[in-house]
Amino acid sequence: LENQGYQFEAAEASFEILLWKGLCTREDLFDLIYWKTTVEYNERLKELYAEAVIKLIVDGKISHSVGDGNGPVNAMDKALRAALSNHFPDLEKIHLSDYRVRVLGGSSGTGAGVRVLIDHTDSLETWTTLGVSSNIIEASYRALVDGIEYGLKKEKIRRDLKEISKKLQ
């Protein structure tokens, strides 16, 4: 994976998700049907507008949502949250706190691969996830999803530990 641009030293949460998946202990929270982003610029108003549409299967039901923002990643984050928030109330605790992009080696110019690192927080801890692709939006989507899944899994583990602790008292 490292030769594709993955560096898990900088994204421990994505590494944990990879381990969960490999150990078959990670249940997918949802299945993606499709996503789409568009960006428009209005020269007269000097405004940029981005919109993301996402369609998922969550708990066996289709969830179709739209988000708008100041850029395609912001819009995608909002669309994902809109599609998932009814199913995962803990999602409101998770916030994107930093977003970084690095162009991967090679001489492809605008066709070069990118590594996206996203920091997320739930006010108790911060974690980093990554996505790698030749498309910056796809890499961002992968990092966003890993961050949401990791945060929701951690919150479930915290809840389970509290319940176990109560039973032991």
C-alpha atoms as a PDB file:
ATOM      1  CA  LEU A   1       0.000   0.000   0.000  1.00  0.00           C
ATOM      2  CA  GLU A   2       2.876   2.371   0.673  1.00  0.00           C
ATOM      3  CA  ASN A   3       3.883   2.319  -3.003  1.00  0.00           C
ATOM      4  CA  GLN A   4       0.364   3.614  -3.779  1.00  0.00           C
ATOM      5  CA  GLY A   5       0.856   6.596  -1.461  1.00  0.00           C
ATOM      6  CA  TYR A   6      -0.535   5.336   1.839  1.00  0.00           C
ATOM      7  CA  GLN A   7       1.384   6.423   4.936  1.00  0.00           C
ATOM      8  CA  PHE A   8      -0.371   5.054   7.978  1.00  0.00           C
ATOM      9  CA  GLU A   9       2.092   6.638  10.413  1.00  0.00           C
ATOM     10  CA  ALA A  10       0.221   9.889   9.813  1.00  0.00           C
ATOM     11  CA  ALA A  11      -3.253   8.306   9.873  1.00  0.00           C
ATOM     12  CA  GLU A  12      -3.583   5.820  12.708  1.00  0.00           C
ATOM     13  CA  ALA A  13      -7.379   5.718  12.482  1.00  0.00           C
ATOM     14  CA  SER A  14      -7.309   4.582   8.847  1.00  0.00           C
ATOM     15  CA  PHE A  15      -4.805   1.895   9.853  1.00  0.00           C
ATOM     16  CA  GLU A  16      -7.117   0.676  12.641  1.00  0.00           C
ATOM     17  CA  ILE A  17     -10.026   0.515  10.202  1.00  0.00           C
ATOM     18  CA  LEU A  18      -7.857  -1.516   7.822  1.00  0.00           C
ATOM     19  CA  LEU A  19      -7.062  -3.899  10.698  1.00  0.00           C
ATOM     20  CA  TRP A  20     -10.740  -4.154  11.688  1.00  0.00           C
ATOM     21  CA  LYS A  21     -11.593  -4.986   8.103  1.00  0.00           C
ATOM     22  CA  GLY A  22      -8.812  -7.581   7.887  1.00  0.00           C
ATOM     23  CA  LEU A  23      -9.882  -9.192  11.142  1.00  0.00           C
ATOM     24  CA  CYS A  24     -13.526  -9.238  10.023  1.00  0.00           C
ATOM     25  CA  THR A  25     -14.571  -7.289  13.120  1.00  0.00           C
ATOM     26  CA  ARG A  26     -15.558  -4.181  11.192  1.00  0.00           C
ATOM     27  CA  GLU A  27     -19.150  -4.065  10.103  1.00  0.00           C
ATOM     28  CA  ASP A  28     -19.790  -1.575   7.342  1.00  0.00           C
ATOM     29  CA  LEU A  29     -22.044   1.140   8.693  1.00  0.00           C
ATOM     30  CA  PHE A  30     -23.432   1.774   5.227  1.00  0.00           C
ATOM     31  CA  ASP A  31     -22.999   0.843   1.591  1.00  0.00           C
ATOM     32  CA  LEU A  32     -22.373   3.505  -1.020  1.00  0.00           C
ATOM     33  CA  ILE A  33     -24.568   3.494  -4.116  1.00  0.00           C
ATOM     34  CA  TYR A  34     -23.079   6.677  -5.601  1.00  0.00           C
ATOM     35  CA  TRP A  35     -21.871  10.184  -4.917  1.00  0.00           C
ATOM     36  CA  LYS A  36     -21.595  13.213  -7.153  1.00  0.00           C
ATOM     37  CA  THR A  37     -20.139  16.681  -6.649  1.00  0.00           C
ATOM     38  CA  THR A  38     -20.510  19.817  -8.720  1.00  0.00           C
ATOM     39  CA  VAL A  39     -18.877  23.205  -8.415  1.00  0.00           C
ATOM     40  CA  GLU A  40     -20.205  26.365 -10.024  1.00  0.00           C
ATOM     41  CA  TYR A  41     -18.716  29.824 -10.165  1.00  0.00           C
ATOM     42  CA  ASN A  42     -20.857  32.883 -10.769  1.00  0.00           C
ATOM     43  CA  GLU A  43     -18.621  35.560 -12.294  1.00  0.00           C
ATOM     44  CA  ARG A  44     -21.176  38.329 -11.826  1.00  0.00           C
ATOM     45  CA  LEU A  45     -21.652  37.587  -8.116  1.00  0.00           C
ATOM     46  CA  LYS A  46     -18.032  36.443  -7.608  1.00  0.00           C
ATOM     47  CA  GLU A  47     -19.330  33.410  -5.715  1.00  0.00           C
ATOM     48  CA  LEU A  48     -18.366  29.769  -5.688  1.00  0.00           C
ATOM     49  CA  TYR A  49     -21.061  27.196  -4.975  1.00  0.00           C
ATOM     50  CA  ALA A  50     -20.493  23.480  -4.429  1.00  0.00           C
ATOM     51  CA  GLU A  51     -23.069  20.735  -4.105  1.00  0.00           C
ATOM     52  CA  ALA A  52     -22.726  17.045  -3.279  1.00  0.00           C
ATOM     53  CA  VAL A  53     -25.343  14.351  -3.771  1.00  0.00           C
ATOM     54  CA  ILE A  54     -24.928  11.015  -2.037  1.00  0.00           C
ATOM     55  CA  LYS A  55     -27.005   7.849  -2.082  1.00  0.00           C
ATOM     56  CA  LEU A  56     -26.358   5.148   0.519  1.00  0.00           C
ATOM     57  CA  ILE A  57     -27.930   2.024   1.930  1.00  0.00           C
ATOM     58  CA  VAL A  58     -28.134   2.308   5.716  1.00  0.00           C
ATOM     59  CA  ASP A  59     -29.817  -0.411   7.790  1.00  0.00           C
ATOM     60  CA  GLY A  60     -31.253  -1.876   4.594  1.00  0.00           C
ATOM     61  CA  LYS A  61     -32.879   1.405   3.552  1.00  0.00           C
ATOM     62  CA  ILE A  62     -31.858   3.870   0.866  1.00  0.00           C
ATOM     63  CA  SER A  63     -30.756   7.272   2.124  1.00  0.00           C
ATOM     64  CA  HIS A  64     -30.410  10.006  -0.494  1.00  0.00           C
ATOM     65  CA  SER A  65     -29.069  13.402   0.585  1.00  0.00           C
ATOM     66  CA  VAL A  66     -27.718  16.659  -0.750  1.00  0.00           C
ATOM     67  CA  GLY A  67     -25.239  19.014   0.881  1.00  0.00           C
ATOM     68  CA  ASP A  68     -23.943  22.388  -0.211  1.00  0.00           C
ATOM     69  CA  GLY A  69     -20.833  24.197   0.901  1.00  0.00           C
ATOM     70  CA  ASN A  70     -17.958  26.484   0.052  1.00  0.00           C
ATOM     71  CA  GLY A  71     -16.182  23.653  -1.779  1.00  0.00           C
ATOM     72  CA  PRO A  72     -16.823  20.071  -2.883  1.00  0.00           C
ATOM     73  CA  VAL A  73     -15.335  18.446   0.238  1.00  0.00           C
ATOM     74  CA  ASN A  74     -17.369  20.667   2.564  1.00  0.00           C
ATOM     75  CA  ALA A  75     -20.500  19.861   0.533  1.00  0.00           C
ATOM     76  CA  MET A  76     -19.710  16.124   0.617  1.00  0.00           C
ATOM     77  CA  ASP A  77     -19.201  16.210   4.388  1.00  0.00           C
ATOM     78  CA  LYS A  78     -22.613  17.859   4.788  1.00  0.00           C
ATOM     79  CA  ALA A  79     -24.297  15.375   2.419  1.00  0.00           C
ATOM     80  CA  LEU A  80     -22.775  12.394   4.262  1.00  0.00           C
ATOM     81  CA  ARG A  81     -23.915  13.784   7.602  1.00  0.00           C
ATOM     82  CA  ALA A  82     -27.414  14.409   6.279  1.00  0.00           C
ATOM     83  CA  ALA A  83     -27.615  10.837   4.965  1.00  0.00           C
ATOM     84  CA  LEU A  84     -26.328   9.273   8.190  1.00  0.00           C
ATOM     85  CA  SER A  85     -27.488  11.491  11.074  1.00  0.00           C
ATOM     86  CA  ASN A  86     -30.904   9.842  11.532  1.00  0.00           C
ATOM     87  CA  HIS A  87     -29.239   6.441  11.841  1.00  0.00           C
ATOM     88  CA  PHE A  88     -26.248   7.507  13.949  1.00  0.00           C
ATOM     89  CA  PRO A  89     -27.067  10.283  16.452  1.00  0.00           C
ATOM     90  CA  ASP A  90     -23.472  10.186  17.769  1.00  0.00           C
ATOM     91  CA  LEU A  91     -22.378  11.670  14.441  1.00  0.00           C
ATOM     92  CA  GLU A  92     -23.183  15.153  15.760  1.00  0.00           C
ATOM     93  CA  LYS A  93     -20.236  14.786  18.186  1.00  0.00           C
ATOM     94  CA  ILE A  94     -17.735  14.225  15.351  1.00  0.00           C
ATOM     95  CA  HIS A  95     -16.252  17.227  13.574  1.00  0.00           C
ATOM     96  CA  LEU A  96     -13.657  17.703  10.864  1.00  0.00           C
ATOM     97  CA  SER A  97     -10.856  19.790  12.387  1.00  0.00           C
ATOM     98  CA  ASP A  98      -8.162  19.892   9.678  1.00  0.00           C
ATOM     99  CA  TYR A  99      -7.768  18.991   6.004  1.00  0.00           C
ATOM    100  CA  ARG A 100      -4.454  18.529   4.194  1.00  0.00           C
ATOM    101  CA  VAL A 101      -3.539  17.461   0.665  1.00  0.00           C
ATOM    102  CA  ARG A 102      -0.191  16.265  -0.622  1.00  0.00           C
ATOM    103  CA  VAL A 103       0.572  15.645  -4.276  1.00  0.00           C
ATOM    104  CA  LEU A 104       2.276  12.279  -4.693  1.00  0.00           C
ATOM    105  CA  GLY A 105       5.515  11.897  -6.639  1.00  0.00           C
ATOM    106  CA  GLY A 106       5.577  11.639 -10.365  1.00  0.00           C
ATOM    107  CA  SER A 107       5.440  13.972 -13.276  1.00  0.00           C
ATOM    108  CA  SER A 108       1.763  13.715 -14.139  1.00  0.00           C
ATOM    109  CA  GLY A 109       1.075  17.361 -13.324  1.00  0.00           C
ATOM    110  CA  THR A 110      -2.653  17.802 -12.799  1.00  0.00           C
ATOM    111  CA  GLY A 111      -3.089  14.036 -13.253  1.00  0.00           C
ATOM    112  CA  ALA A 112      -0.851  13.207 -10.275  1.00  0.00           C
ATOM    113  CA  GLY A 113      -2.108  11.169  -7.362  1.00  0.00           C
ATOM    114  CA  VAL A 114      -2.967  12.846  -4.077  1.00  0.00           C
ATOM    115  CA  ARG A 115      -2.972  11.884  -0.442  1.00  0.00           C
ATOM    116  CA  VAL A 116      -5.662  13.545   1.663  1.00  0.00           C
ATOM    117  CA  LEU A 117      -5.303  13.617   5.450  1.00  0.00           C
ATOM    118  CA  ILE A 118      -8.279  14.673   7.545  1.00  0.00           C
ATOM    119  CA  ASP A 119      -8.221  15.287  11.296  1.00  0.00           C
ATOM    120  CA  HIS A 120     -11.472  14.641  13.141  1.00  0.00           C
ATOM    121  CA  THR A 121     -12.409  15.284  16.756  1.00  0.00           C
ATOM    122  CA  ASP A 122     -15.206  14.384  19.132  1.00  0.00           C
ATOM    123  CA  SER A 123     -13.941  16.726  21.905  1.00  0.00           C
ATOM    124  CA  LEU A 124     -12.464  13.737  23.785  1.00  0.00           C
ATOM    125  CA  GLU A 125      -9.838  12.780  21.243  1.00  0.00           C
ATOM    126  CA  THR A 126      -8.553  13.603  17.780  1.00  0.00           C
ATOM    127  CA  TRP A 127      -7.804  11.103  15.015  1.00  0.00           C
ATOM    128  CA  THR A 128      -6.458  11.265  11.481  1.00  0.00           C
ATOM    129  CA  THR A 129      -7.630   9.381   8.416  1.00  0.00           C
ATOM    130  CA  LEU A 130      -6.362   9.293   4.883  1.00  0.00           C
ATOM    131  CA  GLY A 131      -7.501   8.703   1.348  1.00  0.00           C
ATOM    132  CA  VAL A 132      -5.341   8.172  -1.726  1.00  0.00           C
ATOM    133  CA  SER A 133      -6.459   8.500  -5.332  1.00  0.00           C
ATOM    134  CA  SER A 134      -5.678  10.228  -8.592  1.00  0.00           C
ATOM    135  CA  ASN A 135      -8.881  12.209  -7.887  1.00  0.00           C
ATOM    136  CA  ILE A 136      -8.809  14.635  -4.946  1.00  0.00           C
ATOM    137  CA  ILE A 137     -12.557  14.338  -4.329  1.00  0.00           C
ATOM    138  CA  GLU A 138     -12.421  10.527  -4.212  1.00  0.00           C
ATOM    139  CA  ALA A 139      -9.434  10.639  -1.846  1.00  0.00           C
ATOM    140  CA  SER A 140     -11.346  13.126   0.322  1.00  0.00           C
ATOM    141  CA  TYR A 141     -14.442  10.901   0.339  1.00  0.00           C
ATOM    142  CA  ARG A 142     -12.374   7.916   1.508  1.00  0.00           C
ATOM    143  CA  ALA A 143     -10.785   9.937   4.317  1.00  0.00           C
ATOM    144  CA  LEU A 144     -14.167  11.387   5.362  1.00  0.00           C
ATOM    145  CA  VAL A 145     -15.800   7.953   5.515  1.00  0.00           C
ATOM    146  CA  ASP A 146     -12.914   6.450   7.488  1.00  0.00           C
ATOM    147  CA  GLY A 147     -13.114   9.339   9.963  1.00  0.00           C
ATOM    148  CA  ILE A 148     -16.846   8.977  10.460  1.00  0.00           C
ATOM    149  CA  GLU A 149     -16.662   5.183  10.803  1.00  0.00           C
ATOM    150  CA  TYR A 150     -13.774   5.395  13.254  1.00  0.00           C
ATOM    151  CA  GLY A 151     -15.521   8.017  15.386  1.00  0.00           C
ATOM    152  CA  LEU A 152     -18.795   6.105  15.490  1.00  0.00           C
ATOM    153  CA  LYS A 153     -16.988   2.845  16.349  1.00  0.00           C
ATOM    154  CA  LYS A 154     -15.057   4.558  19.155  1.00  0.00           C
ATOM    155  CA  GLU A 155     -18.263   6.062  20.547  1.00  0.00           C
ATOM    156  CA  LYS A 156     -19.930   2.622  20.522  1.00  0.00           C
ATOM    157  CA  ILE A 157     -16.924   1.126  22.326  1.00  0.00           C
ATOM    158  CA  ARG A 158     -17.130   3.895  24.977  1.00  0.00           C
ATOM    159  CA  ARG A 159     -20.841   3.204  25.488  1.00  0.00           C
ATOM    160  CA  ASP A 160     -20.256  -0.556  25.722  1.00  0.00           C
ATOM    161  CA  LEU A 161     -17.472  -0.056  28.277  1.00  0.00           C
ATOM    162  CA  LYS A 162     -19.721   2.175  30.404  1.00  0.00           C
ATOM    163  CA  GLU A 163     -22.442  -0.493  30.376  1.00  0.00           C
ATOM    164  CA  ILE A 164     -19.959  -3.206  31.351  1.00  0.00           C
ATOM    165  CA  SER A 165     -18.568  -0.988  34.103  1.00  0.00           C
ATOM    166  CA  LYS A 166     -22.076  -0.393  35.505  1.00  0.00           C
ATOM    167  CA  LYS A 167     -22.792  -4.126  35.515  1.00  0.00           C
ATOM    168  CA  LEU A 168     -19.554  -4.832  37.387  1.00  0.00           C
ATOM    169  CA  GLN A 169     -20.337  -2.347  40.172  1.00  0.00           C
END
